[in-house]
């Protein structure tokens, strides 16, 4: 996953190109009063000195964040100096930073049509296509640079990143190696190499590569974040946390940094600090689902079911295929007495896997608890054949009971009693209890729910729902 935004990379590109553009220009005349005899009479500025001052003004505008002004100055410079290959690239990079992608692309395409060997323009076009989500065009632009110059370390490192993202780790390793052969101090390649080594479980090799990268670029937050992951795997939790703190200090706007540190806090039993970091991550990037999942789990553990429900719902709205959250939504909705939400969540979870026949039972019993016995019967009937009776006889009988909706439970109770799996036994006792509660037989339901809880199967989804039913029944007495 690429952590740095396109804007930050383009900003770096702008600075690099500006420095290159300024390298051959005459020194600034600011503060000097040249003239014969030291009489203070300033000589007229040369054309080169005027160009340098205009470029300096564009650079200052970029530094101050006034990109509109910088773009105008660079457009004027490009018009006044049509032989300078730097100005169109700089202008396009500023346009990209302003998210004016079509204009930036037009400038770069025009430049490359006239000067196809302009490597800086190809790099800027590659970043533009990556930012626009055009993966094939991004890769094509990087490949064009490598074809022109196989020793271009930045292009080889960028190709390594593309291959790494595509899970082609062997080719990525070769690209990073090519980049480092051309430039042993290429930080992107060192970080990329470390990621490949990490995937191969070579933590010490990854650590060496990241140590080198940080020695070269001590202000690169991504290198610290990657090194923190390696240190975690090596059991060096204090050093891991120190690197995460450094990454956050260097890039406080990165939501991913807070997500990573929140996970460390969670793993080391500091749930309140984890909660704060996940909340910060969400504030910085409200459109990424995973921070909501982690924060919801903390809320759930704290008994704040309403907040957990809201976060789980948000996570699935952002990433509907993260089906694991549907189980949690169902549990929390059941605990809240939101029966239809519970039914819908368990039904969705059942649609993603065949390994959890209990989802059908939970969905049907939630419908019954909502008061819609007819819908519960129809749902159980539609899904009964999806449970293998030979392999899962107890679950099949439980769903059959929800279809029949009668008082004959002897066969199911015998199967529950004979179950060797303590988790399954406790779970089925819960569903039987919930069934009787839905039928208005609260005392009988309470007995089975209590038996389920007495099974001490902490951590199962049925246990959490049973606790809520027990509390509801006890409060009603």
Foldseek 3Di string as FASTA:
>chain_A
DDQDALLVVLLVLLVVLLVVVCPPADDACPPPQDDPPPPSHRDDDDPSNVLNVLSVVLVVCVVVVVLVVSLVSLVVSCVVCVPDLSSLLSNLSSCVSVVVLVVSVVSLVVSCVVPVLPLSSLQSQLSSCVNVVNLVSNLVSLVSNCVVPVQQLVSLLVNLVSCVVVVVLVSSLVSLVSSCVSPVQPLSSLQSNLVSCVVVVNLVSSLVSLVSSCVSPVLDLVSLQSNLVSCVVVVVNVSSLVSLVSSCVSPVLRLVSLQVVLVSCVVVVNNVSSLVSLVSSCVSPVLALPSLQSNLVSCVVVVVLVSSLVSLVSSCVSPVPPLVSLLVNLLSCLLVLVLQSNLVSLVSSVVVDLPCLVSLLSNLLSCLLVVNLVVSLVSLVVCLVSDDCVVCVLSSLSSVCSNVVDDDCVVNVVVLVPDPDLLVSLQSLQSVLSSCVSVVNNVVSLVSLVVSVVSVPPPDSSNSSSVSSNVVSVVVD
